Amino acid sequence: MGGPNLEVFKFSLYLFVPVMALLHFGDPAWYHNHVLPYKDHLFPPPHRTYSKIPTDQTAIREELARIKADKLARRMEREKELQAQSEAAAQSSKGWFKWW
């Protein structure tokens, strides 16, 4: 079908692509420039993670109550902001269009 030249080309391509990918993406400078900054977007910083996991039942209940209280406080704050925005929008709008 293709002949020996095609087979040599395919073989060299099959070897060249993975080796060049390893050389390019395995470079430490590339890792520090592209992977480490993106990692900061994906994962929280270490000071924001909670490493002391509660082991007894009372500590678990206290932590759960604290988490629920934090979520409720954030929710109330968000609702206040939305209400303030809707009130500001209601005061500024006069109808379907702004000039009515």
PDB file of N, CA and C in Angstrom:
ATOM      1  N   MET A   1       0.814  -1.185   0.000  1.00  0.00           N
ATOM      2  CA  MET A   1       0.000   0.000   0.000  1.00  0.00           C
ATOM      3  C   MET A   1       0.864   1.258   0.000  1.00  0.00           C
ATOM      4  N   GLY A   2       1.439   1.584   1.162  1.00  0.00           N
ATOM      5  CA  GLY A   2       2.187   2.824   1.270  1.00  0.00           C
ATOM      6  C   GLY A   2       3.651   2.671   0.947  1.00  0.00           C
ATOM      7  N   GLY A   3       4.196   1.543   1.254  1.00  0.00           N
ATOM      8  CA  GLY A   3       5.599   1.329   0.992  1.00  0.00           C
ATOM      9  C   GLY A   3       6.452   1.556   2.234  1.00  0.00           C
ATOM     10  N   PRO A   4       7.746   1.272   2.083  1.00  0.00           N
ATOM     11  CA  PRO A   4       8.640   1.388   3.247  1.00  0.00           C
ATOM     12  C   PRO A   4       8.863   2.838   3.695  1.00  0.00           C
ATOM     13  N   ASN A   5       8.788   3.788   2.777  1.00  0.00           N
ATOM     14  CA  ASN A   5       8.992   5.189   3.174  1.00  0.00           C
ATOM     15  C   ASN A   5       7.886   5.668   4.111  1.00  0.00           C
ATOM     16  N   LEU A   6       6.667   5.251   3.837  1.00  0.00           N
ATOM     17  CA  LEU A   6       5.562   5.617   4.702  1.00  0.00           C
ATOM     18  C   LEU A   6       5.720   4.995   6.085  1.00  0.00           C
ATOM     19  N   GLU A   7       6.173   3.725   6.115  1.00  0.00           N
ATOM     20  CA  GLU A   7       6.358   3.052   7.392  1.00  0.00           C
ATOM     21  C   GLU A   7       7.464   3.716   8.209  1.00  0.00           C
ATOM     22  N   VAL A   8       8.529   4.139   7.561  1.00  0.00           N
ATOM     23  CA  VAL A   8       9.612   4.839   8.261  1.00  0.00           C
ATOM     24  C   VAL A   8       9.099   6.178   8.786  1.00  0.00           C
ATOM     25  N   PHE A   9       8.312   6.886   8.005  1.00  0.00           N
ATOM     26  CA  PHE A   9       7.753   8.158   8.437  1.00  0.00           C
ATOM     27  C   PHE A   9       6.830   7.966   9.643  1.00  0.00           C
ATOM     28  N   LYS A  10       5.942   6.970   9.585  1.00  0.00           N
ATOM     29  CA  LYS A  10       5.028   6.727  10.691  1.00  0.00           C
ATOM     30  C   LYS A  10       5.793   6.344  11.960  1.00  0.00           C
ATOM     31  N   PHE A  11       6.814   5.484  11.804  1.00  0.00           N
ATOM     32  CA  PHE A  11       7.596   5.068  12.957  1.00  0.00           C
ATOM     33  C   PHE A  11       8.315   6.255  13.595  1.00  0.00           C
ATOM     34  N   SER A  12       8.891   7.106  12.752  1.00  0.00           N
ATOM     35  CA  SER A  12       9.598   8.268  13.295  1.00  0.00           C
ATOM     36  C   SER A  12       8.604   9.238  13.957  1.00  0.00           C
ATOM     37  N   LEU A  13       7.428   9.379  13.396  1.00  0.00           N
ATOM     38  CA  LEU A  13       6.415  10.238  14.000  1.00  0.00           C
ATOM     39  C   LEU A  13       5.943   9.676  15.338  1.00  0.00           C
ATOM     40  N   TYR A  14       5.743   8.360  15.404  1.00  0.00           N
ATOM     41  CA  TYR A  14       5.311   7.730  16.652  1.00  0.00           C
ATOM     42  C   TYR A  14       6.361   7.874  17.748  1.00  0.00           C
ATOM     43  N   LEU A  15       7.624   7.938  17.379  1.00  0.00           N
ATOM     44  CA  LEU A  15       8.680   8.143  18.364  1.00  0.00           C
ATOM     45  C   LEU A  15       8.877   9.621  18.682  1.00  0.00           C
ATOM     46  N   PHE A  16       8.769  10.468  17.681  1.00  0.00           N
ATOM     47  CA  PHE A  16       9.077  11.882  17.840  1.00  0.00           C
ATOM     48  C   PHE A  16       8.055  12.605  18.718  1.00  0.00           C
ATOM     49  N   VAL A  17       6.775  12.356  18.522  1.00  0.00           N
ATOM     50  CA  VAL A  17       5.725  13.100  19.232  1.00  0.00           C
ATOM     51  C   VAL A  17       5.785  12.871  20.743  1.00  0.00           C
ATOM     52  N   PRO A  18       5.832  11.631  21.255  1.00  0.00           N
ATOM     53  CA  PRO A  18       5.895  11.481  22.714  1.00  0.00           C
ATOM     54  C   PRO A  18       7.195  12.006  23.316  1.00  0.00           C
ATOM     55  N   VAL A  19       8.319  11.820  22.614  1.00  0.00           N
ATOM     56  CA  VAL A  19       9.589  12.308  23.146  1.00  0.00           C
ATOM     57  C   VAL A  19       9.579  13.829  23.220  1.00  0.00           C
ATOM     58  N   MET A  20       9.092  14.492  22.207  1.00  0.00           N
ATOM     59  CA  MET A  20       9.039  15.958  22.236  1.00  0.00           C
ATOM     60  C   MET A  20       8.034  16.456  23.280  1.00  0.00           C
ATOM     61  N   ALA A  21       6.933  15.733  23.459  1.00  0.00           N
ATOM     62  CA  ALA A  21       5.967  16.129  24.498  1.00  0.00           C
ATOM     63  C   ALA A  21       6.609  16.007  25.881  1.00  0.00           C
ATOM     64  N   LEU A  22       7.355  14.939  26.116  1.00  0.00           N
ATOM     65  CA  LEU A  22       8.030  14.789  27.403  1.00  0.00           C
ATOM     66  C   LEU A  22       9.079  15.869  27.609  1.00  0.00           C
ATOM     67  N   LEU A  23       9.815  16.199  26.563  1.00  0.00           N
ATOM     68  CA  LEU A  23      10.835  17.233  26.697  1.00  0.00           C
ATOM     69  C   LEU A  23      10.206  18.610  26.936  1.00  0.00           C
ATOM     70  N   HIS A  24       9.105  18.889  26.262  1.00  0.00           N
ATOM     71  CA  HIS A  24       8.473  20.204  26.406  1.00  0.00           C
ATOM     72  C   HIS A  24       7.765  20.344  27.749  1.00  0.00           C
ATOM     73  N   PHE A  25       6.879  19.390  28.058  1.00  0.00           N
ATOM     74  CA  PHE A  25       6.061  19.511  29.264  1.00  0.00           C
ATOM     75  C   PHE A  25       6.795  19.062  30.521  1.00  0.00           C
ATOM     76  N   GLY A  26       7.902  18.360  30.390  1.00  0.00           N
ATOM     77  CA  GLY A  26       8.663  17.916  31.539  1.00  0.00           C
ATOM     78  C   GLY A  26       9.693  18.930  32.002  1.00  0.00           C
ATOM     79  N   ASP A  27       9.789  20.043  31.319  1.00  0.00           N
ATOM     80  CA  ASP A  27      10.759  21.074  31.663  1.00  0.00           C
ATOM     81  C   ASP A  27      10.344  21.750  32.972  1.00  0.00           C
ATOM     82  N   PRO A  28      11.242  21.858  33.957  1.00  0.00           N
ATOM     83  CA  PRO A  28      10.867  22.495  35.223  1.00  0.00           C
ATOM     84  C   PRO A  28      10.449  23.958  35.068  1.00  0.00           C
ATOM     85  N   ALA A  29      11.066  24.672  34.139  1.00  0.00           N
ATOM     86  CA  ALA A  29      10.685  26.076  33.941  1.00  0.00           C
ATOM     87  C   ALA A  29       9.246  26.170  33.437  1.00  0.00           C
ATOM     88  N   TRP A  30       8.859  25.283  32.530  1.00  0.00           N
ATOM     89  CA  TRP A  30       7.483  25.274  32.019  1.00  0.00           C
ATOM     90  C   TRP A  30       6.505  24.953  33.154  1.00  0.00           C
ATOM     91  N   TYR A  31       6.897  24.018  34.010  1.00  0.00           N
ATOM     92  CA  TYR A  31       6.043  23.642  35.144  1.00  0.00           C
ATOM     93  C   TYR A  31       5.833  24.837  36.077  1.00  0.00           C
ATOM     94  N   HIS A  32       6.907  25.534  36.394  1.00  0.00           N
ATOM     95  CA  HIS A  32       6.794  26.676  37.309  1.00  0.00           C
ATOM     96  C   HIS A  32       6.038  27.840  36.677  1.00  0.00           C
ATOM     97  N   ASN A  33       6.119  27.996  35.370  1.00  0.00           N
ATOM     98  CA  ASN A  33       5.443  29.111  34.706  1.00  0.00           C
ATOM     99  C   ASN A  33       3.971  28.841  34.417  1.00  0.00           C
ATOM    100  N   HIS A  34       3.600  27.575  34.204  1.00  0.00           N
ATOM    101  CA  HIS A  34       2.245  27.285  33.766  1.00  0.00           C
ATOM    102  C   HIS A  34       1.412  26.477  34.755  1.00  0.00           C
ATOM    103  N   VAL A  35       2.007  25.569  35.476  1.00  0.00           N
ATOM    104  CA  VAL A  35       1.232  24.694  36.349  1.00  0.00           C
ATOM    105  C   VAL A  35       1.038  25.311  37.732  1.00  0.00           C
ATOM    106  N   LEU A  36       2.086  25.818  38.325  1.00  0.00           N
ATOM    107  CA  LEU A  36       1.979  26.351  39.686  1.00  0.00           C
ATOM    108  C   LEU A  36       1.039  27.547  39.794  1.00  0.00           C
ATOM    109  N   PRO A  37       1.045  28.508  38.854  1.00  0.00           N
ATOM    110  CA  PRO A  37       0.054  29.594  38.964  1.00  0.00           C
ATOM    111  C   PRO A  37      -1.389  29.097  38.817  1.00  0.00           C
ATOM    112  N   TYR A  38      -1.616  28.104  37.961  1.00  0.00           N
ATOM    113  CA  TYR A  38      -2.966  27.585  37.771  1.00  0.00           C
ATOM    114  C   TYR A  38      -3.413  26.787  38.988  1.00  0.00           C
ATOM    115  N   LYS A  39      -2.456  26.160  39.685  1.00  0.00           N
ATOM    116  CA  LYS A  39      -2.781  25.407  40.888  1.00  0.00           C
ATOM    117  C   LYS A  39      -3.364  26.332  41.951  1.00  0.00           C
ATOM    118  N   ASP A  40      -2.876  27.561  42.014  1.00  0.00           N
ATOM    119  CA  ASP A  40      -3.396  28.517  42.994  1.00  0.00           C
ATOM    120  C   ASP A  40      -4.849  28.875  42.721  1.00  0.00           C
ATOM    121  N   HIS A  41      -5.279  28.790  41.464  1.00  0.00           N
ATOM    122  CA  HIS A  41      -6.680  29.066  41.133  1.00  0.00           C
ATOM    123  C   HIS A  41      -7.570  27.883  41.492  1.00  0.00           C
ATOM    124  N   LEU A  42      -7.025  26.668  41.428  1.00  0.00           N
ATOM    125  CA  LEU A  42      -7.841  25.480  41.670  1.00  0.00           C
ATOM    126  C   LEU A  42      -7.997  25.147  43.149  1.00  0.00           C
ATOM    127  N   PHE A  43      -6.931  25.260  43.898  1.00  0.00           N
ATOM    128  CA  PHE A  43      -6.943  24.819  45.285  1.00  0.00           C
ATOM    129  C   PHE A  43      -6.797  26.011  46.220  1.00  0.00           C
ATOM    130  N   PRO A  44      -7.418  25.944  47.394  1.00  0.00           N
ATOM    131  CA  PRO A  44      -7.290  27.055  48.348  1.00  0.00           C
ATOM    132  C   PRO A  44      -5.877  27.088  48.932  1.00  0.00           C
ATOM    133  N   PRO A  45      -5.453  28.248  49.401  1.00  0.00           N
ATOM    134  CA  PRO A  45      -4.127  28.327  50.023  1.00  0.00           C
ATOM    135  C   PRO A  45      -4.093  27.510  51.315  1.00  0.00           C
ATOM    136  N   PRO A  46      -2.922  27.111  51.754  1.00  0.00           N
ATOM    137  CA  PRO A  46      -2.844  26.247  52.950  1.00  0.00           C
ATOM    138  C   PRO A  46      -3.409  26.882  54.216  1.00  0.00           C
ATOM    139  N   HIS A  47      -3.350  28.211  54.335  1.00  0.00           N
ATOM    140  CA  HIS A  47      -3.877  28.820  55.553  1.00  0.00           C
ATOM    141  C   HIS A  47      -5.407  28.800  55.590  1.00  0.00           C
ATOM    142  N   ARG A  48      -6.065  28.558  54.453  1.00  0.00           N
ATOM    143  CA  ARG A  48      -7.525  28.491  54.430  1.00  0.00           C
ATOM    144  C   ARG A  48      -8.050  27.069  54.594  1.00  0.00           C
ATOM    145  N   THR A  49      -7.183  26.087  54.533  1.00  0.00           N
ATOM    146  CA  THR A  49      -7.628  24.708  54.709  1.00  0.00           C
ATOM    147  C   THR A  49      -7.637  24.360  56.187  1.00  0.00           C
ATOM    148  N   TYR A  50      -8.484  23.458  56.547  1.00  0.00           N
ATOM    149  CA  TYR A  50      -8.627  23.063  57.942  1.00  0.00           C
ATOM    150  C   TYR A  50      -7.973  21.702  58.101  1.00  0.00           C
ATOM    151  N   SER A  51      -6.846  21.664  58.772  1.00  0.00           N
ATOM    152  CA  SER A  51      -6.093  20.413  58.876  1.00  0.00           C
ATOM    153  C   SER A  51      -6.380  19.643  60.155  1.00  0.00           C
ATOM    154  N   LYS A  52      -7.008  20.275  61.144  1.00  0.00           N
ATOM    155  CA  LYS A  52      -7.319  19.585  62.400  1.00  0.00           C
ATOM    156  C   LYS A  52      -8.758  19.078  62.340  1.00  0.00           C
ATOM    157  N   ILE A  53      -8.918  17.876  61.885  1.00  0.00           N
ATOM    158  CA  ILE A  53     -10.243  17.296  61.729  1.00  0.00           C
ATOM    159  C   ILE A  53     -10.730  16.813  63.092  1.00  0.00           C
ATOM    160  N   PRO A  54     -11.949  17.172  63.498  1.00  0.00           N
ATOM    161  CA  PRO A  54     -12.450  16.736  64.805  1.00  0.00           C
ATOM    162  C   PRO A  54     -12.679  15.230  64.827  1.00  0.00           C
ATOM    163  N   THR A  55     -12.387  14.630  65.976  1.00  0.00           N
ATOM    164  CA  THR A  55     -12.507  13.172  66.074  1.00  0.00           C
ATOM    165  C   THR A  55     -13.643  12.732  66.981  1.00  0.00           C
ATOM    166  N   ASP A  56     -13.985  13.517  68.001  1.00  0.00           N
ATOM    167  CA  ASP A  56     -15.078  13.090  68.866  1.00  0.00           C
ATOM    168  C   ASP A  56     -16.386  13.747  68.425  1.00  0.00           C
ATOM    169  N   GLN A  57     -17.479  13.221  68.911  1.00  0.00           N
ATOM    170  CA  GLN A  57     -18.796  13.621  68.427  1.00  0.00           C
ATOM    171  C   GLN A  57     -19.129  15.070  68.787  1.00  0.00           C
ATOM    172  N   THR A  58     -18.741  15.523  69.960  1.00  0.00           N
ATOM    173  CA  THR A  58     -19.065  16.897  70.349  1.00  0.00           C
ATOM    174  C   THR A  58     -18.296  17.903  69.490  1.00  0.00           C
ATOM    175  N   ALA A  59     -17.055  17.594  69.199  1.00  0.00           N
ATOM    176  CA  ALA A  59     -16.269  18.490  68.346  1.00  0.00           C
ATOM    177  C   ALA A  59     -16.839  18.537  66.939  1.00  0.00           C
ATOM    178  N   ILE A  60     -17.325  17.406  66.468  1.00  0.00           N
ATOM    179  CA  ILE A  60     -17.940  17.365  65.133  1.00  0.00           C
ATOM    180  C   ILE A  60     -19.213  18.206  65.117  1.00  0.00           C
ATOM    181  N   ARG A  61     -20.026  18.086  66.153  1.00  0.00           N
ATOM    182  CA  ARG A  61     -21.258  18.874  66.223  1.00  0.00           C
ATOM    183  C   ARG A  61     -20.958  20.373  66.320  1.00  0.00           C
ATOM    184  N   GLU A  62     -19.940  20.736  67.094  1.00  0.00           N
ATOM    185  CA  GLU A  62     -19.561  22.148  67.200  1.00  0.00           C
ATOM    186  C   GLU A  62     -19.066  22.685  65.862  1.00  0.00           C
ATOM    187  N   GLU A  63     -18.262  21.894  65.171  1.00  0.00           N
ATOM    188  CA  GLU A  63     -17.751  22.327  63.859  1.00  0.00           C
ATOM    189  C   GLU A  63     -18.886  22.451  62.860  1.00  0.00           C
ATOM    190  N   LEU A  64     -19.807  21.521  62.884  1.00  0.00           N
ATOM    191  CA  LEU A  64     -20.964  21.586  61.993  1.00  0.00           C
ATOM    192  C   LEU A  64     -21.821  22.808  62.290  1.00  0.00           C
ATOM    193  N   ALA A  65     -22.005  23.123  63.561  1.00  0.00           N
ATOM    194  CA  ALA A  65     -22.774  24.319  63.931  1.00  0.00           C
ATOM    195  C   ALA A  65     -22.047  25.581  63.465  1.00  0.00           C
ATOM    196  N   ARG A  66     -20.732  25.598  63.581  1.00  0.00           N
ATOM    197  CA  ARG A  66     -19.966  26.757  63.129  1.00  0.00           C
ATOM    198  C   ARG A  66     -20.083  26.929  61.618  1.00  0.00           C
ATOM    199  N   ILE A  67     -19.996  25.826  60.885  1.00  0.00           N
ATOM    200  CA  ILE A  67     -20.104  25.890  59.422  1.00  0.00           C
ATOM    201  C   ILE A  67     -21.491  26.379  59.018  1.00  0.00           C
ATOM    202  N   LYS A  68     -22.520  25.873  59.666  1.00  0.00           N
ATOM    203  CA  LYS A  68     -23.886  26.308  59.354  1.00  0.00           C
ATOM    204  C   LYS A  68     -24.079  27.786  59.660  1.00  0.00           C
ATOM    205  N   ALA A  69     -23.510  28.247  60.779  1.00  0.00           N
ATOM    206  CA  ALA A  69     -23.623  29.664  61.126  1.00  0.00           C
ATOM    207  C   ALA A  69     -22.897  30.534  60.101  1.00  0.00           C
ATOM    208  N   ASP A  70     -21.730  30.091  59.641  1.00  0.00           N
ATOM    209  CA  ASP A  70     -21.002  30.841  58.610  1.00  0.00           C
ATOM    210  C   ASP A  70     -21.794  30.904  57.311  1.00  0.00           C
ATOM    211  N   LYS A  71     -22.384  29.773  56.923  1.00  0.00           N
ATOM    212  CA  LYS A  71     -23.178  29.752  55.692  1.00  0.00           C
ATOM    213  C   LYS A  71     -24.398  30.660  55.805  1.00  0.00           C
ATOM    214  N   LEU A  72     -25.045  30.637  56.974  1.00  0.00           N
ATOM    215  CA  LEU A  72     -26.212  31.484  57.180  1.00  0.00           C
ATOM    216  C   LEU A  72     -25.831  32.963  57.142  1.00  0.00           C
ATOM    217  N   ALA A  73     -24.690  33.306  57.744  1.00  0.00           N
ATOM    218  CA  ALA A  73     -24.240  34.698  57.728  1.00  0.00           C
ATOM    219  C   ALA A  73     -23.927  35.151  56.310  1.00  0.00           C
ATOM    220  N   ARG A  74     -23.262  34.292  55.528  1.00  0.00           N
ATOM    221  CA  ARG A  74     -22.971  34.648  54.133  1.00  0.00           C
ATOM    222  C   ARG A  74     -24.254  34.784  53.325  1.00  0.00           C
ATOM    223  N   ARG A  75     -25.216  33.908  53.586  1.00  0.00           N
ATOM    224  CA  ARG A  75     -26.491  33.976  52.867  1.00  0.00           C
ATOM    225  C   ARG A  75     -27.243  35.256  53.186  1.00  0.00           C
ATOM    226  N   MET A  76     -27.284  35.631  54.468  1.00  0.00           N
ATOM    227  CA  MET A  76     -27.964  36.859  54.859  1.00  0.00           C
ATOM    228  C   MET A  76     -27.275  38.077  54.249  1.00  0.00           C
ATOM    229  N   GLU A  77     -25.954  38.062  54.226  1.00  0.00           N
ATOM    230  CA  GLU A  77     -25.209  39.173  53.622  1.00  0.00           C
ATOM    231  C   GLU A  77     -25.519  39.274  52.126  1.00  0.00           C
ATOM    232  N   ARG A  78     -25.565  38.129  51.455  1.00  0.00           N
ATOM    233  CA  ARG A  78     -25.877  38.116  50.029  1.00  0.00           C
ATOM    234  C   ARG A  78     -27.294  38.613  49.777  1.00  0.00           C
ATOM    235  N   GLU A  79     -28.247  38.213  50.625  1.00  0.00           N
ATOM    236  CA  GLU A  79     -29.625  38.672  50.459  1.00  0.00           C
ATOM    237  C   GLU A  79     -29.741  40.173  50.690  1.00  0.00           C
ATOM    238  N   LYS A  80     -28.985  40.710  51.655  1.00  0.00           N
ATOM    239  CA  LYS A  80     -28.984  42.159  51.880  1.00  0.00           C
ATOM    240  C   LYS A  80     -28.460  42.893  50.644  1.00  0.00           C
ATOM    241  N   GLU A  81     -27.377  42.377  50.083  1.00  0.00           N
ATOM    242  CA  GLU A  81     -26.812  43.014  48.897  1.00  0.00           C
ATOM    243  C   GLU A  81     -27.792  42.959  47.723  1.00  0.00           C
ATOM    244  N   LEU A  82     -28.447  41.821  47.536  1.00  0.00           N
ATOM    245  CA  LEU A  82     -29.417  41.698  46.444  1.00  0.00           C
ATOM    246  C   LEU A  82     -30.606  42.623  46.660  1.00  0.00           C
ATOM    247  N   GLN A  83     -31.046  42.737  47.897  1.00  0.00           N
ATOM    248  CA  GLN A  83     -32.174  43.617  48.182  1.00  0.00           C
ATOM    249  C   GLN A  83     -31.788  45.078  47.947  1.00  0.00           C
ATOM    250  N   ALA A  84     -30.581  45.449  48.352  1.00  0.00           N
ATOM    251  CA  ALA A  84     -30.121  46.822  48.129  1.00  0.00           C
ATOM    252  C   ALA A  84     -29.994  47.102  46.633  1.00  0.00           C
ATOM    253  N   GLN A  85     -29.528  46.133  45.877  1.00  0.00           N
ATOM    254  CA  GLN A  85     -29.418  46.315  44.433  1.00  0.00           C
ATOM    255  C   GLN A  85     -30.791  46.428  43.784  1.00  0.00           C
ATOM    256  N   SER A  86     -31.728  45.605  44.235  1.00  0.00           N
ATOM    257  CA  SER A  86     -33.070  45.659  43.639  1.00  0.00           C
ATOM    258  C   SER A  86     -33.765  46.965  44.004  1.00  0.00           C
ATOM    259  N   GLU A  87     -33.543  47.463  45.218  1.00  0.00           N
ATOM    260  CA  GLU A  87     -34.136  48.755  45.594  1.00  0.00           C
ATOM    261  C   GLU A  87     -33.528  49.881  44.774  1.00  0.00           C
ATOM    262  N   ALA A  88     -32.238  49.830  44.553  1.00  0.00           N
ATOM    263  CA  ALA A  88     -31.583  50.853  43.741  1.00  0.00           C
ATOM    264  C   ALA A  88     -32.071  50.778  42.295  1.00  0.00           C
ATOM    265  N   ALA A  89     -32.277  49.579  41.804  1.00  0.00           N
ATOM    266  CA  ALA A  89     -32.781  49.428  40.440  1.00  0.00           C
ATOM    267  C   ALA A  89     -34.228  49.894  40.343  1.00  0.00           C
ATOM    268  N   ALA A  90     -35.033  49.643  41.381  1.00  0.00           N
ATOM    269  CA  ALA A  90     -36.430  50.069  41.368  1.00  0.00           C
ATOM    270  C   ALA A  90     -36.537  51.587  41.423  1.00  0.00           C
ATOM    271  N   GLN A  91     -35.641  52.243  42.125  1.00  0.00           N
ATOM    272  CA  GLN A  91     -35.674  53.695  42.202  1.00  0.00           C
ATOM    273  C   GLN A  91     -35.209  54.329  40.898  1.00  0.00           C
ATOM    274  N   SER A  92     -34.269  53.677  40.207  1.00  0.00           N
ATOM    275  CA  SER A  92     -33.727  54.289  39.000  1.00  0.00           C
ATOM    276  C   SER A  92     -34.563  53.985  37.756  1.00  0.00           C
ATOM    277  N   SER A  93     -35.315  52.892  37.771  1.00  0.00           N
ATOM    278  CA  SER A  93     -36.087  52.560  36.571  1.00  0.00           C
ATOM    279  C   SER A  93     -37.451  53.243  36.625  1.00  0.00           C
ATOM    280  N   LYS A  94     -37.893  53.705  35.467  1.00  0.00           N
ATOM    281  CA  LYS A  94     -39.170  54.405  35.400  1.00  0.00           C
ATOM    282  C   LYS A  94     -40.205  53.633  34.584  1.00  0.00           C
ATOM    283  N   GLY A  95     -39.808  52.625  33.915  1.00  0.00           N
ATOM    284  CA  GLY A  95     -40.717  51.851  33.104  1.00  0.00           C
ATOM    285  C   GLY A  95     -39.936  50.786  32.344  1.00  0.00           C
ATOM    286  N   TRP A  96     -40.489  50.375  31.210  1.00  0.00           N
ATOM    287  CA  TRP A  96     -39.790  49.373  30.425  1.00  0.00           C
ATOM    288  C   TRP A  96     -38.487  49.940  29.893  1.00  0.00           C
ATOM    289  N   PHE A  97     -38.536  51.179  29.511  1.00  0.00           N
ATOM    290  CA  PHE A  97     -37.333  51.824  28.991  1.00  0.00           C
ATOM    291  C   PHE A  97     -36.944  52.937  29.955  1.00  0.00           C
ATOM    292  N   LYS A  98     -35.705  53.319  29.965  1.00  0.00           N
ATOM    293  CA  LYS A  98     -35.199  54.297  30.941  1.00  0.00           C
ATOM    294  C   LYS A  98     -35.814  55.683  30.724  1.00  0.00           C
ATOM    295  N   TRP A  99     -36.203  56.032  29.487  1.00  0.00           N
ATOM    296  CA  TRP A  99     -36.680  57.401  29.237  1.00  0.00           C
ATOM    297  C   TRP A  99     -38.170  57.569  29.472  1.00  0.00           C
ATOM    298  N   TRP A 100     -38.891  56.555  29.847  1.00  0.00           N
ATOM    299  CA  TRP A 100     -40.318  56.672  30.124  1.00  0.00           C
ATOM    300  C   TRP A 100     -40.559  57.143  31.502  1.00  0.00           C
TER     301      TRP A 100
END
